[in-house]
């Protein structure tokens, strides 16, 4: 009889622990969410820093075509990071391995020279290189949110790669509220 009571107690604890873990997982997934539509092909993800209570918004734009060779690699995307209503950074993540940096920045940091095309205008830009992504400059970011078509040519492990984005349709009011300092500007 005592053995049966222990088995029942163990079973109940196991079920309770499993339910608790599943609830925690569900809350984590709900907190991350899929993001909300921010107009056009853009998604917006909002959060609050638990320590500082800073309001953070991340705008994400996926490329028109994937560069991935398998599903385990991340998507090709551009992200804009905003905190407390101010623009913090823009990042280009190719989802494939980047080539090595090909120039030094003003302060000696590694950079990759990329060619950027916003609609019919194009030019070379130096973006800070961190191995997995490139930090976009503010002018390229302003051109991005003003463009219908945005292309980036960067160096991959086997040479130049071109990726295309369709940034048109972003909710400029929402962008302005979340990211003061990133107004659309034709290059």
Protein backbone atom coordinates (compact mmCIF):
# COMPACT_ATOMS: atom_id res chain seq x y z
CA UNK A 1 0.00 0.00 0.00
CA UNK A 2 2.84 2.39 0.88
CA UNK A 3 4.55 1.69 -2.47
CA UNK A 4 1.31 2.52 -4.35
CA UNK A 5 0.96 5.83 -2.48
CA UNK A 6 4.55 6.75 -3.39
CA UNK A 7 3.94 5.91 -7.05
CA UNK A 8 0.77 8.01 -7.10
CA UNK A 9 2.55 10.93 -5.41
CA UNK A 10 5.47 10.61 -7.86
CA UNK A 11 3.05 10.52 -10.81
CA UNK A 12 1.19 13.59 -9.57
CA UNK A 13 4.46 15.48 -9.04
CA UNK A 14 5.61 14.50 -12.53
CA UNK A 15 2.35 15.69 -14.08
CA UNK A 16 2.45 18.94 -12.08
CA UNK A 17 6.10 19.57 -13.06
CA UNK A 18 5.34 18.87 -16.73
CA UNK A 19 2.37 21.26 -16.67
CA UNK A 20 4.50 23.92 -14.99
CA UNK A 21 7.25 23.57 -17.61
CA UNK A 22 4.75 23.65 -20.49
CA UNK A 23 3.11 26.76 -19.03
CA UNK A 24 6.49 28.48 -18.71
CA UNK A 25 7.33 27.56 -22.31
CA UNK A 26 3.97 28.85 -23.55
CA UNK A 27 4.44 32.15 -21.69
CA UNK A 28 7.95 32.55 -23.14
CA UNK A 29 6.70 31.92 -26.67
CA UNK A 30 3.77 34.29 -26.18
CA UNK A 31 6.11 37.00 -24.87
CA UNK A 32 8.35 36.68 -27.92
CA UNK A 33 5.37 36.48 -30.22
CA UNK A 34 5.38 36.65 -33.96
CA UNK A 35 5.50 40.40 -33.88
CA UNK A 36 2.90 42.66 -35.32
CA UNK A 37 2.57 43.88 -38.85
CA UNK A 38 4.28 47.26 -39.21
CA UNK A 39 3.11 47.88 -42.77
CA UNK A 40 4.24 46.31 -46.02
CA UNK A 41 6.66 43.45 -45.41
CA UNK A 42 7.80 44.83 -42.06
CA UNK A 43 7.21 43.21 -38.65
CA UNK A 44 7.58 45.01 -35.31
CA UNK A 45 8.51 43.37 -32.02
CA UNK A 46 7.98 45.37 -28.82
CA UNK A 47 9.37 44.65 -25.38
CA UNK A 48 10.33 46.31 -22.13
CA UNK A 49 13.68 45.89 -20.42
CA UNK A 50 13.00 44.29 -17.03
CA UNK A 51 15.79 46.20 -15.29
CA UNK A 52 15.58 49.68 -16.81
CA UNK A 53 11.96 49.67 -18.04
CA UNK A 54 13.27 50.92 -21.39
CA UNK A 55 10.72 50.48 -24.18
CA UNK A 56 12.35 48.60 -27.05
CA UNK A 57 11.03 48.16 -30.57
CA UNK A 58 12.69 46.04 -33.24
CA UNK A 59 11.55 46.37 -36.86
CA UNK A 60 12.37 43.41 -39.08
CA UNK A 61 12.33 43.10 -42.88
CA UNK A 62 13.01 39.73 -44.53
CA UNK A 63 14.61 39.57 -47.95
CA UNK A 64 12.57 38.81 -51.06
CA UNK A 65 14.52 35.58 -51.64
CA UNK A 66 16.37 33.36 -49.22
CA UNK A 67 20.11 32.81 -49.43
CA UNK A 68 19.88 29.84 -47.07
CA UNK A 69 21.01 26.45 -48.25
CA UNK A 70 19.11 24.71 -45.43
CA UNK A 71 16.41 25.53 -42.87
CA UNK A 72 18.84 25.57 -39.93
CA UNK A 73 20.45 28.81 -41.11
CA UNK A 74 18.86 32.14 -40.13
CA UNK A 75 16.86 34.22 -42.60
CA UNK A 76 18.38 37.08 -44.59
CA UNK A 77 17.03 40.20 -42.89
CA UNK A 78 17.44 43.82 -41.93
CA UNK A 79 16.62 44.88 -38.38
CA UNK A 80 16.17 48.37 -36.96
CA UNK A 81 16.60 48.69 -33.19
CA UNK A 82 14.93 51.50 -31.26
CA UNK A 83 14.89 52.28 -27.56
CA UNK A 84 12.75 54.83 -25.71
CA UNK A 85 11.70 56.43 -28.99
CA UNK A 86 15.23 56.82 -30.40
CA UNK A 87 17.03 54.96 -33.15
CA UNK A 88 19.85 52.79 -31.78
CA UNK A 89 21.14 50.72 -34.71
CA UNK A 90 20.44 49.09 -38.04
CA UNK A 91 21.73 45.61 -38.80
CA UNK A 92 21.97 43.48 -41.95
CA UNK A 93 22.13 39.72 -41.28
CA UNK A 94 22.75 37.83 -44.52
CA UNK A 95 21.88 34.39 -43.15
CA UNK A 96 25.00 33.04 -44.87
CA UNK A 97 28.66 33.31 -44.00
CA UNK A 98 30.17 36.74 -44.62
CA UNK A 99 33.50 37.18 -46.31
CA UNK A 100 36.28 38.83 -44.32
CA UNK A 101 36.30 42.59 -43.69
CA UNK A 102 37.88 44.43 -46.59
CA UNK A 103 38.68 47.84 -45.12
CA UNK A 104 39.30 49.59 -41.81
CA UNK A 105 36.76 52.06 -40.44
CA UNK A 106 37.56 55.58 -39.22
CA UNK A 107 38.50 54.25 -35.77
CA UNK A 108 40.21 51.14 -37.15
CA UNK A 109 37.24 48.79 -36.64
CA UNK A 110 36.80 46.11 -39.32
CA UNK A 111 34.37 47.05 -42.07
CA UNK A 112 33.04 45.61 -45.28
CA UNK A 113 32.47 47.84 -48.24
CA UNK A 114 29.03 47.11 -49.63
CA UNK A 115 27.16 48.53 -52.58
CA UNK A 116 23.67 49.73 -51.70
CA UNK A 117 20.91 50.43 -54.21
CA UNK A 118 17.82 52.32 -53.10
CA UNK A 119 15.42 52.45 -56.07
CA UNK A 120 17.49 53.89 -58.96
CA UNK A 121 20.38 55.30 -56.88
CA UNK A 122 23.35 53.34 -55.72
CA UNK A 123 26.62 53.90 -53.90
CA UNK A 124 29.32 52.24 -51.82
CA UNK A 125 29.12 52.29 -48.05
CA UNK A 126 31.40 51.03 -45.27
CA UNK A 127 29.44 48.94 -42.75
CA UNK A 128 30.99 47.72 -39.51
CA UNK A 129 31.65 43.98 -39.67
CA UNK A 130 31.16 41.65 -36.69
CA UNK A 131 31.51 38.25 -38.35
CA UNK A 132 27.80 37.34 -38.62
CA UNK A 133 26.21 40.65 -39.55
CA UNK A 134 26.95 44.18 -40.73
CA UNK A 135 25.97 47.35 -38.87
CA UNK A 136 24.25 49.68 -41.32
CA UNK A 137 25.01 53.39 -41.34
CA UNK A 138 22.22 55.88 -40.64
CA UNK A 139 22.09 57.25 -44.20
CA UNK A 140 21.56 53.76 -45.65
CA UNK A 141 18.83 53.16 -43.08
CA UNK A 142 17.05 56.40 -44.06
CA UNK A 143 17.31 55.45 -47.74
CA UNK A 144 15.94 51.97 -46.91
CA UNK A 145 12.71 53.24 -45.34
CA UNK A 146 12.16 55.62 -48.28
CA UNK A 147 12.77 53.03 -51.01
CA UNK A 148 10.49 50.76 -53.01
CA UNK A 149 13.40 48.42 -53.82
CA UNK A 150 16.55 48.08 -51.71
CA UNK A 151 19.48 45.90 -52.76
CA UNK A 152 22.72 45.10 -50.97
CA UNK A 153 25.80 43.67 -52.63
CA UNK A 154 28.20 42.22 -50.06
CA UNK A 155 31.14 39.82 -50.09
CA UNK A 156 30.40 36.21 -49.25
CA UNK A 157 32.95 33.41 -48.89
CA UNK A 158 33.05 32.87 -52.67
CA UNK A 159 32.65 36.45 -53.87
CA UNK A 160 29.95 39.10 -54.29
CA UNK A 161 26.33 38.28 -53.37
CA UNK A 162 23.30 40.48 -54.08
CA UNK A 163 20.20 40.37 -51.92
CA UNK A 164 16.96 42.29 -52.55
CA UNK A 165 14.39 43.71 -50.14
CA UNK A 166 10.97 45.32 -50.67
CA UNK A 167 10.75 47.89 -47.85
CA UNK A 168 7.83 49.93 -49.21
CA UNK A 169 4.74 50.23 -47.05
CA UNK A 170 6.27 50.60 -43.58
CA UNK A 171 3.97 52.54 -41.24
CA UNK A 172 5.95 55.80 -41.10
CA UNK A 173 3.93 57.09 -38.14
CA UNK A 174 4.76 54.02 -36.07
CA UNK A 175 8.40 54.15 -37.19
CA UNK A 176 8.67 57.84 -36.28
CA UNK A 177 7.13 57.24 -32.86
CA UNK A 178 9.41 54.29 -32.07
CA UNK A 179 12.59 55.51 -33.83
CA UNK A 180 12.96 59.27 -33.82
CA UNK A 181 15.86 60.16 -36.11
CA UNK A 182 15.05 57.72 -38.92
CA UNK A 183 13.00 59.79 -41.32
CA UNK A 184 12.77 58.57 -44.92
CA UNK A 185 15.39 60.21 -47.11
CA UNK A 186 16.04 59.57 -50.77
CA UNK A 187 19.74 59.01 -51.39
